[in-house]
Amino acid sequence: MCPFDAWTARSALDKIFWGTLVCVIDFHFTQTSGSGGFRFDVISDVVGAAMIAWGLGQLLPLIPVSAYAKIMSFCQLIAAVAVLEALAGHIVMDWPPPVRLLSMAFSLICLLAVYRFCDAMRLFCSSLALTHVEQSWRLSQQLFLWLNAVPAVILHAASLLVMFSREKVHLNIGPLAIAIVIAAMVPLVHILVSIRRTRSALFQPPQGVAI
């Protein structure tokens, strides 16, 4: 990778890193009147999703591998749709069931996009002989699969049962919810670590394996 492309990759990874943090660190307050209202974010998720989409667009042309380009194009498309969803998220209302189903389906697609993004970054690192960072992305992907994606599918399935149940069902998982939230943070932190490792390795010679 030429120096210019390396700096472009660094800039792109920075956008994805900080955009992810903006989306995850959520400080907001809500103003409602009757059955509707508006949600105000200190830093809007729209900004975070837009930063991620921008960063993905910068990374897309840097590696001449068709599989990498297809994955990055898919991830960028999902990030662009996430911008629209974040805009809609500012509106507080009782959304009809079809819209809620669509939102649930899109959240699962977002999980797939993150999983595939790890694949793309493995190809990115492999093409640049950054073996140690590729291993970091491999672990990030596995952690995300088992601690984020699989539990999310199970929870969404349970939510669907509740949504279409004729009787009112209240899910109360108590202290388990705290454990789930903590476990879900582990892959996110490791993905952010992998992003920083990739960024740092762009101007360094290959090193030993790190996880």
C-alpha atoms as a PDB file:
ATOM      1  CA  MET A   1       0.000   0.000   0.000  1.00  0.00           C
ATOM      2  CA  CYS A   2       1.408   3.375  -0.981  1.00  0.00           C
ATOM      3  CA  PRO A   3       1.762   6.059   1.739  1.00  0.00           C
ATOM      4  CA  PHE A   4      -1.236   8.024   0.436  1.00  0.00           C
ATOM      5  CA  ASP A   5      -3.490   4.962   0.615  1.00  0.00           C
ATOM      6  CA  ALA A   6      -2.152   4.182   4.085  1.00  0.00           C
ATOM      7  CA  TRP A   7      -3.102   7.651   5.296  1.00  0.00           C
ATOM      8  CA  THR A   8      -6.521   7.249   3.649  1.00  0.00           C
ATOM      9  CA  ALA A   9      -6.989   3.937   5.446  1.00  0.00           C
ATOM     10  CA  ARG A  10      -5.985   5.528   8.747  1.00  0.00           C
ATOM     11  CA  SER A  11      -8.479   8.329   8.239  1.00  0.00           C
ATOM     12  CA  ALA A  12     -11.215   5.821   7.344  1.00  0.00           C
ATOM     13  CA  LEU A  13     -10.514   3.648  10.376  1.00  0.00           C
ATOM     14  CA  ASP A  14     -10.625   6.725  12.615  1.00  0.00           C
ATOM     15  CA  LYS A  15     -14.076   7.599  11.252  1.00  0.00           C
ATOM     16  CA  ILE A  16     -15.337   4.056  11.852  1.00  0.00           C
ATOM     17  CA  PHE A  17     -13.807   3.973  15.347  1.00  0.00           C
ATOM     18  CA  TRP A  18     -15.298   7.278  16.506  1.00  0.00           C
ATOM     19  CA  GLY A  19     -18.563   6.737  14.621  1.00  0.00           C
ATOM     20  CA  THR A  20     -19.021   3.450  16.472  1.00  0.00           C
ATOM     21  CA  LEU A  21     -18.405   5.135  19.811  1.00  0.00           C
ATOM     22  CA  VAL A  22     -20.936   7.861  18.963  1.00  0.00           C
ATOM     23  CA  CYS A  23     -23.565   5.191  18.220  1.00  0.00           C
ATOM     24  CA  VAL A  24     -22.791   3.156  21.332  1.00  0.00           C
ATOM     25  CA  ILE A  25     -22.365   5.926  23.903  1.00  0.00           C
ATOM     26  CA  ASP A  26     -25.950   7.144  23.999  1.00  0.00           C
ATOM     27  CA  PHE A  27     -26.845  10.257  25.984  1.00  0.00           C
ATOM     28  CA  HIS A  28     -30.308  11.528  25.164  1.00  0.00           C
ATOM     29  CA  PHE A  29     -33.500  12.970  26.589  1.00  0.00           C
ATOM     30  CA  THR A  30     -37.041  12.678  25.304  1.00  0.00           C
ATOM     31  CA  GLN A  31     -39.848  15.184  25.100  1.00  0.00           C
ATOM     32  CA  THR A  32     -43.305  13.676  24.654  1.00  0.00           C
ATOM     33  CA  SER A  33     -46.816  14.974  24.337  1.00  0.00           C
ATOM     34  CA  GLY A  34     -49.641  12.455  24.349  1.00  0.00           C
ATOM     35  CA  SER A  35     -48.639   9.360  22.345  1.00  0.00           C
ATOM     36  CA  GLY A  36     -45.826  11.031  20.422  1.00  0.00           C
ATOM     37  CA  GLY A  37     -42.718  13.050  20.964  1.00  0.00           C
ATOM     38  CA  PHE A  38     -39.134  13.668  19.964  1.00  0.00           C
ATOM     39  CA  ARG A  39     -35.832  12.251  21.166  1.00  0.00           C
ATOM     40  CA  PHE A  40     -32.839  14.559  21.482  1.00  0.00           C
ATOM     41  CA  ASP A  41     -29.341  13.041  21.360  1.00  0.00           C
ATOM     42  CA  VAL A  42     -26.353  14.905  22.797  1.00  0.00           C
ATOM     43  CA  ILE A  43     -24.448  13.547  19.783  1.00  0.00           C
ATOM     44  CA  SER A  44     -26.892  12.084  17.287  1.00  0.00           C
ATOM     45  CA  ASP A  45     -26.567   8.490  16.105  1.00  0.00           C
ATOM     46  CA  VAL A  46     -27.101   9.987  12.662  1.00  0.00           C
ATOM     47  CA  VAL A  47     -23.621  11.505  12.927  1.00  0.00           C
ATOM     48  CA  GLY A  48     -22.103   8.204  14.048  1.00  0.00           C
ATOM     49  CA  ALA A  49     -23.749   6.164  11.280  1.00  0.00           C
ATOM     50  CA  ALA A  50     -22.731   8.759   8.689  1.00  0.00           C
ATOM     51  CA  MET A  51     -19.109   8.638   9.899  1.00  0.00           C
ATOM     52  CA  ILE A  52     -19.108   4.845   9.603  1.00  0.00           C
ATOM     53  CA  ALA A  53     -20.580   4.959   6.090  1.00  0.00           C
ATOM     54  CA  TRP A  54     -17.976   7.561   5.073  1.00  0.00           C
ATOM     55  CA  GLY A  55     -15.126   5.490   6.485  1.00  0.00           C
ATOM     56  CA  LEU A  56     -16.335   2.340   4.732  1.00  0.00           C
ATOM     57  CA  GLY A  57     -16.506   4.260   1.458  1.00  0.00           C
ATOM     58  CA  GLN A  58     -12.880   5.319   1.887  1.00  0.00           C
ATOM     59  CA  LEU A  59     -11.732   1.764   2.616  1.00  0.00           C
ATOM     60  CA  LEU A  60     -13.644   0.170  -0.265  1.00  0.00           C
ATOM     61  CA  PRO A  61     -11.265   0.995  -3.193  1.00  0.00           C
ATOM     62  CA  LEU A  62      -8.005   0.431  -1.317  1.00  0.00           C
ATOM     63  CA  ILE A  63      -7.715  -3.342  -1.798  1.00  0.00           C
ATOM     64  CA  PRO A  64      -8.150  -4.810  -5.336  1.00  0.00           C
ATOM     65  CA  VAL A  65      -9.907  -7.989  -4.185  1.00  0.00           C
ATOM     66  CA  SER A  66     -13.428  -8.627  -5.479  1.00  0.00           C
ATOM     67  CA  ALA A  67     -14.603 -10.404  -2.319  1.00  0.00           C
ATOM     68  CA  TYR A  68     -13.374  -7.491  -0.209  1.00  0.00           C
ATOM     69  CA  ALA A  69     -15.124  -4.949  -2.462  1.00  0.00           C
ATOM     70  CA  LYS A  70     -18.439  -6.844  -2.326  1.00  0.00           C
ATOM     71  CA  ILE A  71     -18.380  -7.069   1.466  1.00  0.00           C
ATOM     72  CA  MET A  72     -17.441  -3.417   1.915  1.00  0.00           C
ATOM     73  CA  SER A  73     -20.158  -2.334  -0.550  1.00  0.00           C
ATOM     74  CA  PHE A  74     -22.735  -4.308   1.437  1.00  0.00           C
ATOM     75  CA  CYS A  75     -21.524  -2.832   4.738  1.00  0.00           C
ATOM     76  CA  GLN A  76     -21.569   0.693   3.331  1.00  0.00           C
ATOM     77  CA  LEU A  77     -25.132   0.222   2.064  1.00  0.00           C
ATOM     78  CA  ILE A  78     -26.289  -0.980   5.493  1.00  0.00           C
ATOM     79  CA  ALA A  79     -24.511   1.951   7.164  1.00  0.00           C
ATOM     80  CA  ALA A  80     -26.293   4.360   4.803  1.00  0.00           C
ATOM     81  CA  VAL A  81     -29.677   2.822   5.661  1.00  0.00           C
ATOM     82  CA  ALA A  82     -28.704   3.042   9.343  1.00  0.00           C
ATOM     83  CA  VAL A  83     -28.430   6.811   8.907  1.00  0.00           C
ATOM     84  CA  LEU A  84     -32.090   6.881   7.829  1.00  0.00           C
ATOM     85  CA  GLU A  85     -33.090   4.601  10.698  1.00  0.00           C
ATOM     86  CA  ALA A  86     -31.257   6.862  13.159  1.00  0.00           C
ATOM     87  CA  LEU A  87     -33.209   9.823  11.786  1.00  0.00           C
ATOM     88  CA  ALA A  88     -36.476   7.935  12.297  1.00  0.00           C
ATOM     89  CA  GLY A  89     -35.314   7.028  15.811  1.00  0.00           C
ATOM     90  CA  HIS A  90     -35.646  10.667  16.843  1.00  0.00           C
ATOM     91  CA  ILE A  91     -39.433  10.337  16.465  1.00  0.00           C
ATOM     92  CA  VAL A  92     -41.132   8.848  19.523  1.00  0.00           C
ATOM     93  CA  MET A  93     -44.404   7.123  18.708  1.00  0.00           C
ATOM     94  CA  ASP A  94     -46.204   3.803  18.930  1.00  0.00           C
ATOM     95  CA  TRP A  95     -45.000   2.324  15.666  1.00  0.00           C
ATOM     96  CA  PRO A  96     -47.319  -0.229  14.009  1.00  0.00           C
ATOM     97  CA  PRO A  97     -46.290  -3.921  14.089  1.00  0.00           C
ATOM     98  CA  PRO A  98     -45.064  -4.022  10.437  1.00  0.00           C
ATOM     99  CA  VAL A  99     -42.649  -1.169  11.139  1.00  0.00           C
ATOM    100  CA  ARG A 100     -41.426  -2.836  14.329  1.00  0.00           C
ATOM    101  CA  LEU A 101     -40.906  -6.091  12.422  1.00  0.00           C
ATOM    102  CA  LEU A 102     -38.956  -4.233   9.759  1.00  0.00           C
ATOM    103  CA  SER A 103     -36.818  -2.603  12.451  1.00  0.00           C
ATOM    104  CA  MET A 104     -36.092  -5.978  14.048  1.00  0.00           C
ATOM    105  CA  ALA A 105     -35.146  -7.473  10.679  1.00  0.00           C
ATOM    106  CA  PHE A 106     -32.848  -4.545   9.946  1.00  0.00           C
ATOM    107  CA  SER A 107     -31.132  -4.887  13.315  1.00  0.00           C
ATOM    108  CA  LEU A 108     -30.291  -8.501  12.407  1.00  0.00           C
ATOM    109  CA  ILE A 109     -28.973  -7.346   9.028  1.00  0.00           C
ATOM    110  CA  CYS A 110     -26.781  -4.834  10.879  1.00  0.00           C
ATOM    111  CA  LEU A 111     -25.340  -7.691  12.929  1.00  0.00           C
ATOM    112  CA  LEU A 112     -24.580  -9.545   9.697  1.00  0.00           C
ATOM    113  CA  ALA A 113     -22.891  -6.412   8.334  1.00  0.00           C
ATOM    114  CA  VAL A 114     -20.622  -6.145  11.389  1.00  0.00           C
ATOM    115  CA  TYR A 115     -19.744  -9.840  11.097  1.00  0.00           C
ATOM    116  CA  ARG A 116     -18.947  -9.422   7.407  1.00  0.00           C
ATOM    117  CA  PHE A 117     -16.965  -6.255   8.114  1.00  0.00           C
ATOM    118  CA  CYS A 118     -14.642  -8.399  10.243  1.00  0.00           C
ATOM    119  CA  ASP A 119     -14.273 -10.681   7.201  1.00  0.00           C
ATOM    120  CA  ALA A 120     -13.396  -7.695   5.014  1.00  0.00           C
ATOM    121  CA  MET A 121     -10.808  -6.457   7.501  1.00  0.00           C
ATOM    122  CA  ARG A 122      -9.237  -9.907   7.592  1.00  0.00           C
ATOM    123  CA  LEU A 123      -8.886  -9.734   3.797  1.00  0.00           C
ATOM    124  CA  PHE A 124      -7.531  -6.191   4.133  1.00  0.00           C
ATOM    125  CA  CYS A 125      -4.871  -7.290   6.623  1.00  0.00           C
ATOM    126  CA  SER A 126      -4.058 -10.467   4.704  1.00  0.00           C
ATOM    127  CA  SER A 127      -3.431  -8.507   1.496  1.00  0.00           C
ATOM    128  CA  LEU A 128      -0.978  -6.273   3.391  1.00  0.00           C
ATOM    129  CA  ALA A 129       0.731  -9.195   5.169  1.00  0.00           C
ATOM    130  CA  LEU A 130      -0.430  -7.920   8.570  1.00  0.00           C
ATOM    131  CA  THR A 131      -0.756 -11.438   9.971  1.00  0.00           C
ATOM    132  CA  HIS A 132      -0.843 -10.429  13.620  1.00  0.00           C
ATOM    133  CA  VAL A 133      -3.690  -7.974  13.035  1.00  0.00           C
ATOM    134  CA  GLU A 134      -5.574 -10.495  10.897  1.00  0.00           C
ATOM    135  CA  GLN A 135      -5.577 -12.853  13.879  1.00  0.00           C
ATOM    136  CA  SER A 136      -6.980 -10.050  16.022  1.00  0.00           C
ATOM    137  CA  TRP A 137      -9.856  -9.588  13.554  1.00  0.00           C
ATOM    138  CA  ARG A 138     -10.448 -13.349  13.521  1.00  0.00           C
ATOM    139  CA  LEU A 139     -10.934 -13.302  17.297  1.00  0.00           C
ATOM    140  CA  SER A 140     -13.117 -10.189  17.081  1.00  0.00           C
ATOM    141  CA  GLN A 141     -15.345 -11.990  14.590  1.00  0.00           C
ATOM    142  CA  GLN A 142     -15.723 -15.093  16.750  1.00  0.00           C
ATOM    143  CA  LEU A 143     -16.474 -13.047  19.860  1.00  0.00           C
ATOM    144  CA  PHE A 144     -19.068 -11.065  17.939  1.00  0.00           C
ATOM    145  CA  LEU A 145     -20.717 -14.209  16.587  1.00  0.00           C
ATOM    146  CA  TRP A 146     -21.121 -15.945  19.946  1.00  0.00           C
ATOM    147  CA  LEU A 147     -21.619 -13.003  22.293  1.00  0.00           C
ATOM    148  CA  ASN A 148     -23.633 -10.667  20.048  1.00  0.00           C
ATOM    149  CA  ALA A 149     -25.173 -12.302  16.994  1.00  0.00           C
ATOM    150  CA  VAL A 150     -26.402 -15.600  18.466  1.00  0.00           C
ATOM    151  CA  PRO A 151     -27.917 -14.046  21.629  1.00  0.00           C
ATOM    152  CA  ALA A 152     -29.538 -11.317  19.498  1.00  0.00           C
ATOM    153  CA  VAL A 153     -31.235 -13.889  17.265  1.00  0.00           C
ATOM    154  CA  ILE A 154     -32.558 -15.697  20.358  1.00  0.00           C
ATOM    155  CA  LEU A 155     -33.848 -12.467  21.924  1.00  0.00           C
ATOM    156  CA  HIS A 156     -35.490 -11.391  18.657  1.00  0.00           C
ATOM    157  CA  ALA A 157     -37.210 -14.764  18.381  1.00  0.00           C
ATOM    158  CA  ALA A 158     -38.509 -14.370  21.937  1.00  0.00           C
ATOM    159  CA  SER A 159     -39.704 -10.840  21.125  1.00  0.00           C
ATOM    160  CA  LEU A 160     -41.622 -12.144  18.120  1.00  0.00           C
ATOM    161  CA  LEU A 161     -43.368 -14.731  20.299  1.00  0.00           C
ATOM    162  CA  VAL A 162     -44.363 -11.991  22.725  1.00  0.00           C
ATOM    163  CA  MET A 163     -45.504  -9.653  19.923  1.00  0.00           C
ATOM    164  CA  PHE A 164     -47.830 -12.226  18.349  1.00  0.00           C
ATOM    165  CA  SER A 165     -48.977 -13.903  21.538  1.00  0.00           C
ATOM    166  CA  ARG A 166     -52.692 -13.602  22.258  1.00  0.00           C
ATOM    167  CA  GLU A 167     -51.950 -13.364  25.950  1.00  0.00           C
ATOM    168  CA  LYS A 168     -49.822 -10.683  27.558  1.00  0.00           C
ATOM    169  CA  VAL A 169     -46.353 -12.039  28.261  1.00  0.00           C
ATOM    170  CA  HIS A 170     -43.765 -10.212  30.321  1.00  0.00           C
ATOM    171  CA  LEU A 171     -40.136 -11.193  29.861  1.00  0.00           C
ATOM    172  CA  ASN A 172     -38.214 -10.718  33.086  1.00  0.00           C
ATOM    173  CA  ILE A 173     -34.667 -12.025  32.930  1.00  0.00           C
ATOM    174  CA  GLY A 174     -33.554 -10.066  35.984  1.00  0.00           C
ATOM    175  CA  PRO A 175     -29.815 -10.124  36.791  1.00  0.00           C
ATOM    176  CA  LEU A 176     -29.198 -12.127  33.619  1.00  0.00           C
ATOM    177  CA  ALA A 177     -29.799  -8.921  31.653  1.00  0.00           C
ATOM    178  CA  ILE A 178     -26.744  -7.328  33.279  1.00  0.00           C
ATOM    179  CA  ALA A 179     -24.596 -10.319  32.364  1.00  0.00           C
ATOM    180  CA  ILE A 180     -25.874 -10.195  28.776  1.00  0.00           C
ATOM    181  CA  VAL A 181     -25.061  -6.488  28.469  1.00  0.00           C
ATOM    182  CA  ILE A 182     -21.552  -6.976  29.880  1.00  0.00           C
ATOM    183  CA  ALA A 183     -20.909  -9.949  27.600  1.00  0.00           C
ATOM    184  CA  ALA A 184     -22.181  -7.975  24.590  1.00  0.00           C
ATOM    185  CA  MET A 185     -19.640  -5.231  25.282  1.00  0.00           C
ATOM    186  CA  VAL A 186     -16.676  -7.604  24.995  1.00  0.00           C
ATOM    187  CA  PRO A 187     -16.825  -8.047  21.173  1.00  0.00           C
ATOM    188  CA  LEU A 188     -17.389  -4.315  20.681  1.00  0.00           C
ATOM    189  CA  VAL A 189     -14.294  -3.462  22.722  1.00  0.00           C
ATOM    190  CA  HIS A 190     -12.237  -6.069  20.858  1.00  0.00           C
ATOM    191  CA  ILE A 191     -13.409  -4.778  17.459  1.00  0.00           C
ATOM    192  CA  LEU A 192     -12.353  -1.266  18.481  1.00  0.00           C
ATOM    193  CA  VAL A 193      -9.003  -2.673  19.608  1.00  0.00           C
ATOM    194  CA  SER A 194      -8.630  -4.432  16.239  1.00  0.00           C
ATOM    195  CA  ILE A 195      -9.358  -1.144  14.449  1.00  0.00           C
ATOM    196  CA  ARG A 196      -6.625   0.616  16.434  1.00  0.00           C
ATOM    197  CA  ARG A 197      -4.192  -2.247  15.810  1.00  0.00           C
ATOM    198  CA  THR A 198      -4.884  -2.086  12.077  1.00  0.00           C
ATOM    199  CA  ARG A 199      -4.386   1.671  12.065  1.00  0.00           C
ATOM    200  CA  SER A 200      -1.106   1.415  13.968  1.00  0.00           C
ATOM    201  CA  ALA A 201       0.198  -1.426  11.790  1.00  0.00           C
ATOM    202  CA  LEU A 202      -0.229   0.408   8.482  1.00  0.00           C
ATOM    203  CA  PHE A 203       3.199   2.055   8.760  1.00  0.00           C
ATOM    204  CA  GLN A 204       4.928  -0.742  10.662  1.00  0.00           C
ATOM    205  CA  PRO A 205       6.587  -3.992   9.490  1.00  0.00           C
ATOM    206  CA  PRO A 206       4.756  -7.254  10.245  1.00  0.00           C
ATOM    207  CA  GLN A 207       5.104  -8.458  13.861  1.00  0.00           C
ATOM    208  CA  GLY A 208       4.233 -11.537  15.864  1.00  0.00           C
ATOM    209  CA  VAL A 209       0.728 -12.761  16.469  1.00  0.00           C
ATOM    210  CA  ALA A 210      -1.364 -10.733  18.898  1.00  0.00           C
ATOM    211  CA  ILE A 211      -4.858 -11.331  20.212  1.00  0.00           C
END
